[in-house]
Amino acid sequence: MKSNSDDNSNLNYFLVAVFSVAVFLSVCQMISIVFPYFVPPFPTDIDFLESKQWVVDEWHWMAAFYIHIFSSVFVLAAGLTQFSKTFLLKYPVLHRKIGKIYVFLVLCVACPSGFVMAFYGNGGWAARYAFILQALGWWFFTFMAYSTVKNRKLKEHSKYMIRSYAMTLSAISLRAATYIASVWKMNNGINCPDPEYFLICYPDFYILIAWLSWIVNLIIAEFMIIIGITEYYFPLKSSEE
């Protein structure tokens, strides 16, 4: 008969495998989104920038935009490696080096640039407050991940890394929600604005996903922590070594 610990171990392994595949596909998707912005003559009227015509002439916003989208691809990729147990055990030195790259990029590059962009977010201040809090939370969780590992609190480190990466993935969540809503509206012949479906029309929908894109991610992260995902990486007997 299998013990509860065996069942939990199998569940944790399955969750990590699903998570890794999903994030890998997300990284590939992010690369495909970011690439057109860096093709000369560096268009400012495509995709996301189509909705930012009122601010594309502001050099500080454009600098923050390019810094943010460029660094975010590396943040996503670097973060993904941190959740491979095989990589952690077989290549611990490389794991730490890539982890430091992740922390540096979040704390000093991606998060500060995202914080600047947050003050110019679409959807008005109701959405901007969500992006501002997201940036602050992202920075805090990443800093705590670095602080706890420096003090060799490995289990706490893993918890904060999960939270930090949940915030990293909020950009993917926001785009996924936008895409799903667009497909649903198209398939059901809904043309915005529509008072009956205001929650999936701009600006209400954008405000909603500005908050839910990171709050839901954090809820999922906390659920994974509660069910013991950290035990997959650090068994109880060595969790604080």
Protein backbone atom coordinates (compact mmCIF):
# COMPACT_ATOMS: atom_id res chain seq x y z
CA MET A 1 0.00 0.00 0.00
CA LYS A 2 1.35 3.44 -0.91
CA SER A 3 1.96 5.87 1.90
CA ASN A 4 0.65 9.45 1.93
CA SER A 5 4.21 10.69 1.44
CA ASP A 6 4.51 8.62 -1.76
CA ASP A 7 1.23 10.03 -3.04
CA ASN A 8 2.34 13.56 -2.25
CA SER A 9 5.68 12.95 -3.95
CA ASN A 10 3.95 11.71 -7.11
CA LEU A 11 1.58 14.67 -7.07
CA ASN A 12 4.42 17.12 -6.60
CA TYR A 13 6.39 15.53 -9.44
CA PHE A 14 3.34 15.75 -11.71
CA LEU A 15 2.71 19.40 -10.80
CA VAL A 16 6.34 20.33 -11.44
CA ALA A 17 6.30 18.53 -14.80
CA VAL A 18 3.09 20.25 -15.93
CA PHE A 19 4.34 23.58 -14.64
CA SER A 20 7.68 23.23 -16.45
CA VAL A 21 6.07 22.37 -19.79
CA ALA A 22 3.57 25.21 -19.48
CA VAL A 23 6.27 27.75 -18.62
CA PHE A 24 8.55 26.54 -21.42
CA LEU A 25 5.73 27.08 -23.92
CA SER A 26 5.10 30.47 -22.33
CA VAL A 27 8.74 31.48 -22.78
CA CYS A 28 8.55 30.52 -26.46
CA GLN A 29 5.35 32.51 -26.83
CA MET A 30 6.89 35.53 -25.11
CA ILE A 31 9.85 35.42 -27.48
CA SER A 32 7.47 35.46 -30.45
CA ILE A 33 5.66 38.47 -28.93
CA VAL A 34 8.81 40.44 -28.15
CA PHE A 35 10.76 39.74 -31.36
CA PRO A 36 8.79 42.08 -33.72
CA TYR A 37 9.57 45.09 -31.52
CA PHE A 38 13.30 44.64 -32.13
CA VAL A 39 13.13 44.32 -35.91
CA PRO A 40 14.32 47.53 -37.66
CA PRO A 41 12.89 50.11 -38.01
CA PHE A 42 11.60 49.25 -34.50
CA PRO A 43 7.88 49.90 -35.10
CA THR A 44 5.91 51.79 -32.47
CA ASP A 45 2.46 51.08 -33.89
CA ILE A 46 2.12 47.30 -33.56
CA ASP A 47 0.43 45.03 -31.02
CA PHE A 48 0.66 46.46 -27.51
CA LEU A 49 2.11 49.77 -28.70
CA GLU A 50 -1.01 50.41 -30.80
CA SER A 51 -2.80 51.23 -27.55
CA LYS A 52 0.09 53.38 -26.28
CA GLN A 53 0.28 56.00 -29.02
CA TRP A 54 -0.31 58.73 -26.46
CA VAL A 55 2.95 57.87 -24.68
CA VAL A 56 5.33 56.44 -27.33
CA ASP A 57 6.95 59.87 -27.73
CA GLU A 58 8.01 59.85 -24.07
CA TRP A 59 11.61 58.62 -24.12
CA HIS A 60 11.59 57.39 -20.51
CA TRP A 61 8.49 55.26 -21.11
CA MET A 62 9.87 53.81 -24.34
CA ALA A 63 13.18 53.06 -22.61
CA ALA A 64 11.31 51.32 -19.78
CA PHE A 65 9.20 49.40 -22.31
CA TYR A 66 12.14 48.02 -24.28
CA ILE A 67 14.14 47.25 -21.13
CA HIS A 68 11.15 45.50 -19.60
CA ILE A 69 10.19 43.28 -22.54
CA PHE A 70 13.80 42.38 -23.35
CA SER A 71 14.74 41.48 -19.77
CA SER A 72 11.45 39.65 -19.12
CA VAL A 73 12.30 36.95 -21.67
CA PHE A 74 15.51 36.16 -19.76
CA VAL A 75 13.73 36.39 -16.42
CA LEU A 76 11.17 33.81 -17.56
CA ALA A 77 13.87 31.50 -18.91
CA ALA A 78 16.20 31.88 -15.91
CA GLY A 79 13.37 31.34 -13.46
CA LEU A 80 12.27 28.16 -15.18
CA THR A 81 15.65 26.50 -14.58
CA GLN A 82 15.32 27.12 -10.85
CA PHE A 83 12.43 24.68 -10.60
CA SER A 84 14.23 21.66 -12.05
CA LYS A 85 15.22 19.32 -9.24
CA THR A 86 17.58 17.45 -11.56
CA PHE A 87 19.29 20.70 -12.48
CA LEU A 88 19.44 21.72 -8.81
CA LEU A 89 21.07 18.46 -7.68
CA LYS A 90 23.39 17.81 -10.63
CA TYR A 91 24.51 21.37 -11.30
CA PRO A 92 24.19 23.26 -8.00
CA VAL A 93 26.82 25.86 -8.90
CA LEU A 94 25.13 26.67 -12.20
CA HIS A 95 21.76 26.69 -10.41
CA ARG A 96 23.04 29.36 -8.04
CA LYS A 97 24.61 31.43 -10.81
CA ILE A 98 21.44 31.44 -12.88
CA GLY A 99 19.47 32.18 -9.71
CA LYS A 100 21.63 35.25 -9.13
CA ILE A 101 21.00 36.35 -12.71
CA TYR A 102 17.25 35.96 -12.12
CA VAL A 103 17.39 37.99 -8.91
CA PHE A 104 19.51 40.72 -10.48
CA LEU A 105 17.27 41.01 -13.54
CA VAL A 106 14.10 41.22 -11.45
CA LEU A 107 15.37 43.57 -8.74
CA CYS A 108 17.45 45.88 -10.93
CA VAL A 109 16.01 45.67 -14.44
CA ALA A 110 12.61 44.09 -15.14
CA CYS A 111 10.80 45.17 -11.98
CA PRO A 112 11.97 48.83 -11.93
CA SER A 113 11.13 49.24 -15.62
CA GLY A 114 7.75 47.60 -15.05
CA PHE A 115 7.17 49.95 -12.12
CA VAL A 116 7.73 52.95 -14.41
CA MET A 117 5.35 51.51 -17.00
CA ALA A 118 2.71 50.85 -14.33
CA PHE A 119 2.04 54.58 -13.96
CA TYR A 120 1.05 54.71 -17.64
CA GLY A 121 -1.04 51.53 -17.71
CA ASN A 122 -4.18 51.24 -19.82
CA GLY A 123 -7.49 51.18 -17.99
CA GLY A 124 -6.92 54.26 -15.85
CA TRP A 125 -5.81 54.35 -12.24
CA ALA A 126 -7.99 51.39 -11.27
CA ALA A 127 -5.68 49.22 -13.38
CA ARG A 128 -2.52 51.23 -12.69
CA TYR A 129 -2.79 50.61 -8.96
CA ALA A 130 -2.90 46.88 -9.73
CA PHE A 131 0.28 47.10 -11.83
CA ILE A 132 2.03 49.21 -9.19
CA LEU A 133 1.21 46.73 -6.42
CA GLN A 134 2.23 43.88 -8.70
CA ALA A 135 5.66 45.46 -9.27
CA LEU A 136 6.14 46.08 -5.54
CA GLY A 137 5.09 42.52 -4.68
CA TRP A 138 7.34 41.08 -7.38
CA TRP A 139 10.32 43.00 -6.04
CA PHE A 140 9.56 42.06 -2.41
CA PHE A 141 9.11 38.32 -3.02
CA THR A 142 12.29 38.18 -5.12
CA PHE A 143 14.28 40.09 -2.53
CA MET A 144 13.03 37.74 0.20
CA ALA A 145 13.98 34.73 -1.95
CA TYR A 146 17.52 36.10 -2.15
CA SER A 147 17.64 37.06 1.54
CA THR A 148 16.45 33.66 2.79
CA VAL A 149 18.89 31.68 0.64
CA LYS A 150 21.74 33.90 1.84
CA ASN A 151 20.77 32.86 5.37
CA ARG A 152 20.51 29.22 4.25
CA LYS A 153 16.80 29.03 4.98
CA LEU A 154 16.29 26.83 1.94
CA LYS A 155 12.68 25.87 2.50
CA GLU A 156 11.64 29.51 3.00
CA HIS A 157 13.74 30.41 -0.03
CA SER A 158 11.84 27.95 -2.20
CA LYS A 159 8.51 29.38 -0.99
CA TYR A 160 9.50 32.93 -1.87
CA MET A 161 10.88 31.81 -5.24
CA ILE A 162 7.53 30.21 -6.04
CA ARG A 163 5.78 33.46 -5.13
CA SER A 164 8.29 35.52 -7.09
CA TYR A 165 7.91 33.38 -10.19
CA ALA A 166 4.13 33.48 -9.84
CA MET A 167 4.45 37.26 -10.18
CA THR A 168 6.82 36.82 -13.13
CA LEU A 169 4.19 34.72 -14.88
CA SER A 170 1.49 37.36 -14.40
CA ALA A 171 2.40 38.84 -17.79
CA ILE A 172 1.61 35.47 -19.37
CA SER A 173 -1.63 35.23 -17.39
CA LEU A 174 -2.73 38.68 -18.54
CA ARG A 175 -2.08 37.88 -22.20
CA ALA A 176 -3.70 34.47 -21.95
CA ALA A 177 -6.84 35.95 -20.38
CA THR A 178 -6.98 38.66 -23.06
CA TYR A 179 -6.63 36.08 -25.83
CA ILE A 180 -9.29 33.76 -24.38
CA ALA A 181 -11.72 36.65 -23.95
CA SER A 182 -11.11 37.85 -27.51
CA VAL A 183 -11.74 34.39 -28.96
CA TRP A 184 -14.87 33.97 -26.83
CA LYS A 185 -16.26 37.33 -27.96
CA MET A 186 -15.51 36.55 -31.59
CA ASN A 187 -17.11 33.10 -31.44
CA ASN A 188 -20.21 34.48 -29.77
CA GLY A 189 -20.58 37.56 -31.94
CA ILE A 190 -20.13 40.02 -29.09
CA ASN A 191 -19.14 43.53 -30.12
CA CYS A 192 -17.86 45.86 -27.45
CA PRO A 193 -19.02 48.07 -25.87
CA ASP A 194 -21.91 45.87 -24.79
CA PRO A 195 -23.71 46.70 -21.51
CA GLU A 196 -24.72 43.05 -21.08
CA TYR A 197 -21.12 41.85 -21.32
CA PHE A 198 -19.33 44.85 -19.84
CA LEU A 199 -17.01 42.65 -17.78
CA ILE A 200 -15.34 41.32 -20.91
CA CYS A 201 -15.18 44.70 -22.61
CA TYR A 202 -12.63 47.46 -22.20
CA PRO A 203 -12.00 49.09 -19.76
CA ASP A 204 -13.76 46.86 -17.20
CA PHE A 205 -12.17 43.66 -18.46
CA TYR A 206 -8.68 45.14 -18.53
CA ILE A 207 -9.06 46.45 -14.99
CA LEU A 208 -10.29 43.04 -13.87
CA ILE A 209 -7.40 41.08 -15.38
CA ALA A 210 -4.88 43.69 -14.23
CA TRP A 211 -5.71 42.54 -10.71
CA LEU A 212 -6.53 38.87 -11.30
CA SER A 213 -3.45 38.19 -13.47
CA TRP A 214 -1.23 38.28 -10.38
CA ILE A 215 -3.68 37.65 -7.54
CA VAL A 216 -4.82 34.33 -9.02
CA ASN A 217 -1.18 33.39 -9.66
CA LEU A 218 -0.36 34.05 -6.01
CA ILE A 219 -3.35 32.00 -4.87
CA ILE A 220 -2.15 29.08 -7.00
CA ALA A 221 1.38 29.54 -5.63
CA GLU A 222 0.11 29.47 -2.04
CA PHE A 223 -1.95 26.37 -2.80
CA MET A 224 1.14 24.62 -4.15
CA ILE A 225 3.07 25.63 -1.02
CA ILE A 226 0.28 24.42 1.27
CA ILE A 227 0.09 20.97 -0.35
CA GLY A 228 3.84 20.62 0.18
CA ILE A 229 5.46 21.34 -3.18
CA THR A 230 8.61 22.49 -1.37
CA GLU A 231 9.06 18.97 0.04
CA TYR A 232 9.72 17.83 -3.52
CA TYR A 233 12.88 19.93 -3.51
CA PHE A 234 13.78 19.85 0.18
CA PRO A 235 12.66 16.80 2.17
CA LEU A 236 11.75 17.49 5.79
CA LYS A 237 15.00 16.10 7.17
CA SER A 238 17.09 18.51 5.13
CA SER A 239 14.74 21.44 4.53
CA GLU A 240 16.74 23.86 6.65
CA GLU A 241 20.24 22.56 6.11
